[in-house]
Protein backbone atom coordinates (compact mmCIF):
# COMPACT_ATOMS: atom_id res chain seq x y z
CA UNK A 1 16.85 -13.15 -35.27
CA UNK A 2 16.17 -9.61 -36.43
CA UNK A 3 12.91 -8.30 -34.98
CA UNK A 4 11.12 -6.38 -37.73
CA UNK A 5 9.59 -3.22 -36.29
CA UNK A 6 6.85 -0.91 -37.54
CA UNK A 7 6.45 2.45 -35.83
CA UNK A 8 2.77 3.34 -35.57
CA UNK A 9 2.27 7.10 -35.43
CA UNK A 10 4.67 9.60 -36.96
CA UNK A 11 3.12 12.79 -35.62
CA UNK A 12 5.09 15.98 -35.28
CA UNK A 13 4.86 16.36 -31.50
CA UNK A 14 8.40 16.17 -30.06
CA UNK A 15 9.52 14.12 -33.10
CA UNK A 16 8.82 10.92 -31.18
CA UNK A 17 7.94 8.89 -34.28
CA UNK A 18 11.35 9.69 -35.75
CA UNK A 19 13.13 8.99 -32.46
CA UNK A 20 11.51 5.57 -32.07
CA UNK A 21 12.33 4.83 -35.69
CA UNK A 22 15.98 5.59 -34.95
CA UNK A 23 16.02 3.41 -31.85
CA UNK A 24 14.46 0.49 -33.74
CA UNK A 25 16.89 0.91 -36.62
CA UNK A 26 19.98 1.28 -34.42
CA UNK A 27 19.28 -1.52 -31.94
CA UNK A 28 21.19 -4.74 -32.48
CA UNK A 29 18.64 -7.49 -33.06
CA UNK A 30 16.03 -5.13 -34.51
CA UNK A 31 15.24 -3.78 -37.95
CA UNK A 32 12.94 -0.88 -38.86
CA UNK A 33 10.71 -2.09 -41.69
CA UNK A 34 7.85 0.39 -41.77
CA UNK A 35 5.93 3.37 -40.44
CA UNK A 36 2.15 3.53 -40.09
CA UNK A 37 0.67 7.02 -40.30
CA UNK A 38 -2.83 8.00 -41.53
CA UNK A 39 -1.92 11.61 -42.31
CA UNK A 40 -0.67 11.78 -45.94
CA UNK A 41 1.92 14.53 -45.37
CA UNK A 42 3.40 12.88 -42.30
CA UNK A 43 3.36 9.50 -44.04
CA UNK A 44 5.30 10.97 -46.96
CA UNK A 45 7.78 12.56 -44.54
CA UNK A 46 8.27 9.21 -42.82
CA UNK A 47 8.95 7.47 -46.13
CA UNK A 48 11.51 10.11 -47.09
CA UNK A 49 13.28 10.44 -43.73
CA UNK A 50 13.24 6.81 -42.60
CA UNK A 51 13.58 5.17 -46.03
CA UNK A 52 11.05 2.42 -45.31
CA UNK A 53 7.64 1.38 -46.53
CA UNK A 54 4.53 2.93 -45.04
CA UNK A 55 1.04 1.87 -43.99
CA UNK A 56 -2.15 3.90 -43.82
CA UNK A 57 -3.80 1.99 -40.96
CA UNK A 58 -3.17 -0.57 -38.26
CA UNK A 59 -5.41 -2.97 -40.20
CA UNK A 60 -2.69 -3.13 -42.87
CA UNK A 61 0.09 -3.65 -40.32
CA UNK A 62 -1.44 -6.56 -38.41
CA UNK A 63 -1.93 -8.70 -41.55
CA UNK A 64 1.65 -8.17 -42.75
CA UNK A 65 3.83 -11.14 -41.84
CA UNK A 66 6.89 -8.95 -42.46
CA UNK A 67 6.18 -7.11 -39.18
CA UNK A 68 7.09 -8.74 -35.86
CA UNK A 69 6.66 -5.80 -33.48
CA UNK A 70 4.95 -2.43 -33.35
CA UNK A 71 5.96 0.69 -31.44
CA UNK A 72 2.85 2.73 -30.68
CA UNK A 73 3.42 6.51 -30.75
CA UNK A 74 -0.23 7.54 -30.63
CA UNK A 75 -2.62 9.37 -28.26
CA UNK A 76 -2.92 7.60 -24.92
CA UNK A 77 -6.53 6.53 -25.43
CA UNK A 78 -5.44 4.50 -28.49
CA UNK A 79 -2.73 2.50 -26.71
CA UNK A 80 -5.01 -0.25 -25.45
CA UNK A 81 -7.13 -0.93 -28.57
CA UNK A 82 -4.18 -0.80 -30.97
CA UNK A 83 -1.92 -2.85 -28.71
CA UNK A 84 -4.57 -5.53 -28.26
CA UNK A 85 -5.22 -5.62 -32.01
CA UNK A 86 -1.52 -6.09 -32.65
CA UNK A 87 -1.01 -8.73 -29.97
CA UNK A 88 -4.00 -10.74 -31.11
CA UNK A 89 -2.27 -10.82 -34.51
CA UNK A 90 0.90 -12.18 -32.88
CA UNK A 91 2.91 -8.93 -32.81
CA UNK A 92 5.10 -7.79 -29.94
CA UNK A 93 4.25 -4.30 -28.63
CA UNK A 94 6.04 -1.29 -27.18
CA UNK A 95 3.73 1.57 -26.25
CA UNK A 96 4.86 5.09 -25.51
CA UNK A 97 4.17 5.86 -21.87
CA UNK A 98 1.81 5.53 -20.17
CA UNK A 99 0.94 1.92 -20.86
CA UNK A 100 -2.72 2.99 -21.17
CA UNK A 101 -5.33 5.15 -19.44
CA UNK A 102 -7.16 2.84 -16.99
CA UNK A 103 -6.45 -0.33 -15.04
CA UNK A 104 -9.22 -2.13 -16.94
CA UNK A 105 -7.30 -1.40 -20.15
CA UNK A 106 -4.03 -2.53 -18.54
CA UNK A 107 -5.57 -5.83 -17.46
CA UNK A 108 -6.96 -6.45 -20.96
CA UNK A 109 -3.56 -5.69 -22.52
CA UNK A 110 -1.69 -7.99 -20.16
CA UNK A 111 -4.23 -10.76 -20.80
CA UNK A 112 -3.81 -10.35 -24.57
CA UNK A 113 -0.03 -10.51 -24.22
CA UNK A 114 -0.21 -13.76 -22.28
CA UNK A 115 -2.81 -15.29 -24.58
CA UNK A 116 -0.67 -14.67 -27.67
CA UNK A 117 2.66 -15.27 -25.91
CA UNK A 118 4.09 -11.94 -27.10
CA UNK A 119 6.08 -9.20 -25.42
CA UNK A 120 4.28 -6.15 -24.04
CA UNK A 121 6.19 -3.24 -22.56
CA UNK A 122 6.08 0.54 -22.42
CA UNK A 123 8.66 3.19 -23.11
CA UNK A 124 9.56 4.36 -19.61
CA UNK A 125 12.78 5.95 -20.84
CA UNK A 126 12.91 8.26 -17.82
CA UNK A 127 14.15 5.31 -15.77
CA UNK A 128 17.44 6.13 -17.49
CA UNK A 129 17.41 9.89 -16.83
CA UNK A 130 20.69 11.01 -15.27
CA UNK A 131 18.99 12.83 -12.40
CA UNK A 132 16.80 9.84 -11.45
CA UNK A 133 19.56 7.26 -11.80
CA UNK A 134 21.84 9.34 -9.57
CA UNK A 135 19.14 9.96 -6.95
CA UNK A 136 18.30 6.24 -6.85
CA UNK A 137 21.99 5.31 -6.64
CA UNK A 138 22.55 7.58 -3.63
CA UNK A 139 19.46 6.15 -1.91
CA UNK A 140 20.41 2.54 -2.67
CA UNK A 141 23.98 3.16 -1.43
CA UNK A 142 22.61 4.31 1.92
CA UNK A 143 23.91 7.87 1.64
CA UNK A 144 20.64 9.22 3.09
CA UNK A 145 19.84 6.42 5.51
CA UNK A 146 16.21 5.38 5.60
CA UNK A 147 14.29 7.63 3.19
CA UNK A 148 10.90 8.78 4.41
CA UNK A 149 9.94 11.59 2.02
CA UNK A 150 10.46 12.12 -1.71
CA UNK A 151 9.31 15.36 -3.32
CA UNK A 152 9.21 15.56 -7.11
CA UNK A 153 8.04 18.34 -9.37
CA UNK A 154 7.58 18.76 -13.12
CA UNK A 155 5.84 21.62 -14.85
CA UNK A 156 5.65 25.33 -15.47
CA UNK A 157 3.23 28.07 -16.44
CA UNK A 158 2.29 26.86 -19.91
CA UNK A 159 -0.53 24.77 -21.42
CA UNK A 160 -0.39 21.30 -22.88
CA UNK A 161 -0.49 21.04 -26.66
CA UNK A 162 -2.74 19.17 -29.12
CA UNK A 163 -4.54 16.07 -27.92
CA UNK A 164 -2.67 16.24 -24.60
CA UNK A 165 -5.19 18.96 -23.65
CA UNK A 166 -8.10 16.51 -23.86
CA UNK A 167 -9.48 14.12 -21.25
CA UNK A 168 -11.02 12.04 -24.05
CA UNK A 169 -7.52 11.37 -25.44
CA UNK A 170 -6.06 10.48 -22.05
CA UNK A 171 -4.20 13.80 -21.91
CA UNK A 172 -3.00 15.98 -19.06
CA UNK A 173 0.18 16.34 -17.04
CA UNK A 174 -0.75 13.49 -14.69
CA UNK A 175 -0.75 10.94 -17.50
CA UNK A 176 2.06 12.64 -19.42
CA UNK A 177 4.94 13.52 -17.10
CA UNK A 178 3.13 11.93 -14.17
CA UNK A 179 3.55 8.53 -15.78
CA UNK A 180 7.32 8.95 -15.49
CA UNK A 181 7.41 10.53 -12.05
CA UNK A 182 5.06 7.98 -10.47
CA UNK A 183 6.98 5.11 -12.06
CA UNK A 184 10.22 6.55 -10.66
CA UNK A 185 8.73 6.90 -7.17
CA UNK A 186 7.42 3.32 -7.20
CA UNK A 187 10.99 2.21 -7.94
CA UNK A 188 12.41 4.42 -5.17
CA UNK A 189 9.86 3.05 -2.70
CA UNK A 190 10.62 -0.52 -3.73
CA UNK A 191 6.98 -1.50 -3.90
CA UNK A 192 3.35 -0.48 -4.34
CA UNK A 193 1.42 2.48 -2.99
CA UNK A 194 -0.81 2.05 0.04
CA UNK A 195 -2.98 5.11 -0.45
CA UNK A 196 -3.23 8.18 -2.67
CA UNK A 197 -4.59 11.64 -1.88
CA UNK A 198 -4.92 14.05 -4.79
CA UNK A 199 -5.90 17.68 -5.34
CA UNK A 200 -6.74 18.77 -8.91
CA UNK A 201 -7.05 22.34 -10.14
CA UNK A 202 -8.53 23.60 -13.42
CA UNK A 203 -7.02 27.04 -14.01
CA UNK A 204 -5.55 29.44 -16.57
CA UNK A 205 -5.73 27.27 -19.70
CA UNK A 206 -9.31 26.03 -19.47
CA UNK A 207 -10.18 27.53 -22.84
CA UNK A 208 -8.11 24.78 -24.49
CA UNK A 209 -7.67 22.17 -21.73
CA UNK A 210 -10.37 20.09 -20.06
CA UNK A 211 -7.83 17.99 -18.12
CA UNK A 212 -6.52 19.00 -14.68
CA UNK A 213 -4.03 21.83 -15.06
CA UNK A 214 -2.46 21.27 -11.63
CA UNK A 215 -2.16 17.90 -9.89
CA UNK A 216 -0.87 17.61 -6.33
CA UNK A 217 -0.48 14.04 -5.07
CA UNK A 218 0.47 12.65 -1.68
CA UNK A 219 1.26 8.95 -1.94
CA UNK A 220 1.96 6.65 1.01
CA UNK A 221 3.84 3.51 -0.01
CA UNK A 222 3.73 0.17 1.75
CA UNK A 223 7.42 0.59 2.54
CA UNK A 224 6.58 3.63 4.70
CA UNK A 225 7.98 6.16 2.23
CA UNK A 226 5.83 9.14 1.27
CA UNK A 227 5.92 10.92 -2.09
CA UNK A 228 4.79 14.52 -2.57
CA UNK A 229 4.30 15.07 -6.31
CA UNK A 230 3.48 18.24 -8.24
CA UNK A 231 2.56 17.96 -11.93
CA UNK A 232 1.44 21.29 -13.19
CA UNK A 233 0.70 23.75 -15.95
CA UNK A 234 0.08 26.49 -13.36
CA UNK A 235 3.46 26.99 -11.67
CA UNK A 236 5.18 30.34 -12.16
CA UNK A 237 7.45 29.54 -9.18
CA UNK A 238 9.35 26.30 -9.63
CA UNK A 239 10.16 23.65 -7.05
CA UNK A 240 13.26 21.46 -7.31
CA UNK A 241 12.93 18.44 -9.59
CA UNK A 242 13.88 16.29 -6.57
CA UNK A 243 14.07 16.85 -2.82
CA UNK A 244 14.63 13.70 -0.79
CA UNK A 245 14.78 13.41 3.00
CA UNK A 246 16.36 10.53 4.91
CA UNK A 247 17.41 9.87 8.50
CA UNK A 248 21.11 10.38 7.71
CA UNK A 249 20.92 13.02 4.99
CA UNK A 250 19.01 14.65 2.19
CA UNK A 251 19.44 15.74 -1.38
CA UNK A 252 18.24 18.33 -3.85
CA UNK A 253 18.39 18.20 -7.64
CA UNK A 254 17.19 21.51 -8.97
CA UNK A 255 16.44 20.45 -12.56
CA UNK A 256 16.11 17.26 -14.56
CA UNK A 257 18.96 15.87 -16.63
CA UNK A 258 22.65 15.96 -15.87
CA UNK A 259 24.77 18.25 -13.75
CA UNK A 260 25.11 17.69 -10.02
CA UNK A 261 23.00 16.58 -7.07
CA UNK A 262 23.50 18.45 -3.80
CA UNK A 263 23.94 15.87 -1.03
CA UNK A 264 23.36 17.14 2.51
CA UNK A 265 25.02 14.83 5.03
CA UNK A 266 27.42 14.58 7.96
CA UNK A 267 31.17 14.35 7.55
CA UNK A 268 33.25 13.76 10.70
CA UNK A 269 30.31 14.83 12.83
CA UNK A 270 29.76 18.08 10.93
CA UNK A 271 26.93 18.86 8.54
CA UNK A 272 28.26 19.18 5.01
CA UNK A 273 27.08 19.71 1.44
CA UNK A 274 28.66 17.74 -1.40
CA UNK A 275 28.07 18.23 -5.12
CA UNK A 276 27.68 14.75 -6.59
CA UNK A 277 28.10 14.54 -10.40
CA UNK A 278 25.24 12.80 -12.15
CA UNK A 279 25.94 9.34 -13.49
CA UNK A 280 26.14 8.68 -17.21
CA UNK A 281 23.22 6.71 -18.66
CA UNK A 282 22.09 5.21 -21.96
CA UNK A 283 18.40 5.57 -22.86
CA UNK A 284 18.81 3.14 -25.74
CA UNK A 285 19.02 0.38 -23.13
CA UNK A 286 15.25 -0.09 -23.15
CA UNK A 287 15.12 -1.07 -26.83
CA UNK A 288 18.24 -3.21 -26.37
CA UNK A 289 16.58 -5.00 -23.47
CA UNK A 290 13.42 -5.66 -25.48
CA UNK A 291 15.46 -7.15 -28.33
CA UNK A 292 17.42 -9.35 -25.93
CA UNK A 293 14.23 -10.39 -24.14
CA UNK A 294 12.51 -11.51 -27.34
CA UNK A 295 15.58 -13.09 -28.93
CA UNK A 296 17.39 -14.57 -25.92
CA UNK A 297 14.93 -14.67 -23.03
CA UNK A 298 16.68 -11.95 -21.02
CA UNK A 299 14.48 -10.58 -18.23
CA UNK A 300 12.29 -7.69 -19.34
CA UNK A 301 13.17 -4.48 -17.47
CA UNK A 302 9.87 -2.62 -17.89
CA UNK A 303 7.26 -5.23 -17.02
CA UNK A 304 3.59 -4.47 -17.77
CA UNK A 305 2.50 -5.97 -14.45
CA UNK A 306 4.69 -3.41 -12.66
CA UNK A 307 3.73 -0.35 -14.70
CA UNK A 308 0.07 -1.33 -14.28
CA UNK A 309 0.48 0.02 -10.76
CA UNK A 310 1.18 3.49 -12.17
CA UNK A 311 -2.16 3.28 -13.99
CA UNK A 312 -3.83 2.20 -10.72
CA UNK A 313 -2.39 5.33 -9.08
CA UNK A 314 -3.90 7.42 -11.91
CA UNK A 315 -7.30 5.89 -11.19
CA UNK A 316 -6.89 6.43 -7.43
CA UNK A 317 -5.85 10.07 -7.94
CA UNK A 318 -8.92 10.84 -10.05
CA UNK A 319 -11.18 9.21 -7.47
CA UNK A 320 -9.46 11.01 -4.59
CA UNK A 321 -9.70 14.40 -6.31
CA UNK A 322 -13.42 13.81 -6.82
CA UNK A 323 -14.24 12.53 -3.33
CA UNK A 324 -11.70 14.42 -1.21
CA UNK A 325 -10.67 11.15 0.41
CA UNK A 326 -7.50 9.07 0.31
CA UNK A 327 -7.90 6.08 -2.03
CA UNK A 328 -6.14 2.72 -2.12
CA UNK A 329 -4.93 1.81 -5.64
CA UNK A 330 -6.48 -1.41 -6.95
């Protein structure tokens, strides 16, 4: 069966509408059949570049029996209402990350998926980043012994752009890059967070941004691992992308992507540093997995029930930053 996909949202930011169109078109078991975009110029560009039919609104998509699945590339606050509308019409759904903005939205989306017996997932492509896959591999192989602290940092001294500046749209670094970093840390910890303490700053770009411009999170996981996360628009001095401490060793990965991870460990009783090449990965695996899940019943890799916990950590971080207290995700 060829799953007929419509990409909803073809905005210019990062070219994500085009990228999702390519993934849908190139995945075995899928077929790109349309793009939905309300902006006339972007809709015309989608028709020309992708060579498929277009829709003006989601209302047109959900009544078209020629569409089996939608990929939502829209502002975060629209993920839940559009996904629920699509699922209630019997369409499978991939959302860009994060799944949604609040846990109440996540619960409603999961309920709609179950009620209509359709697939719901989110595009956590950073699970296939070379740096993360290599860090997780070294941890899983026992190269560091028991890991007790993971530090992760993403950001710089620059503002967000467009709707990502706005709280009303579900913007901000916490919900943007934080969605990836928190998801990665949940996987490294092997389970849910026990409590979250967060510090938010509003600095430098407040003329255009009403979201936190600097988010510092300390997360204690039920496994005993702690994560120290920095997600920021206010950092002139960068931290490593990853610094991980274990009882038998540690590692540092200075930047995201490929290259090498510096592994600090003991060799023949002497402390040593080894440059470990990053593993090769394939980010198209997520779309391939979704196609195989729908067509052949293969287990879904990015499960909505799991990524809901990332949304619960968002909620806990906002509450913690407001109250000054550690908060248990719900």
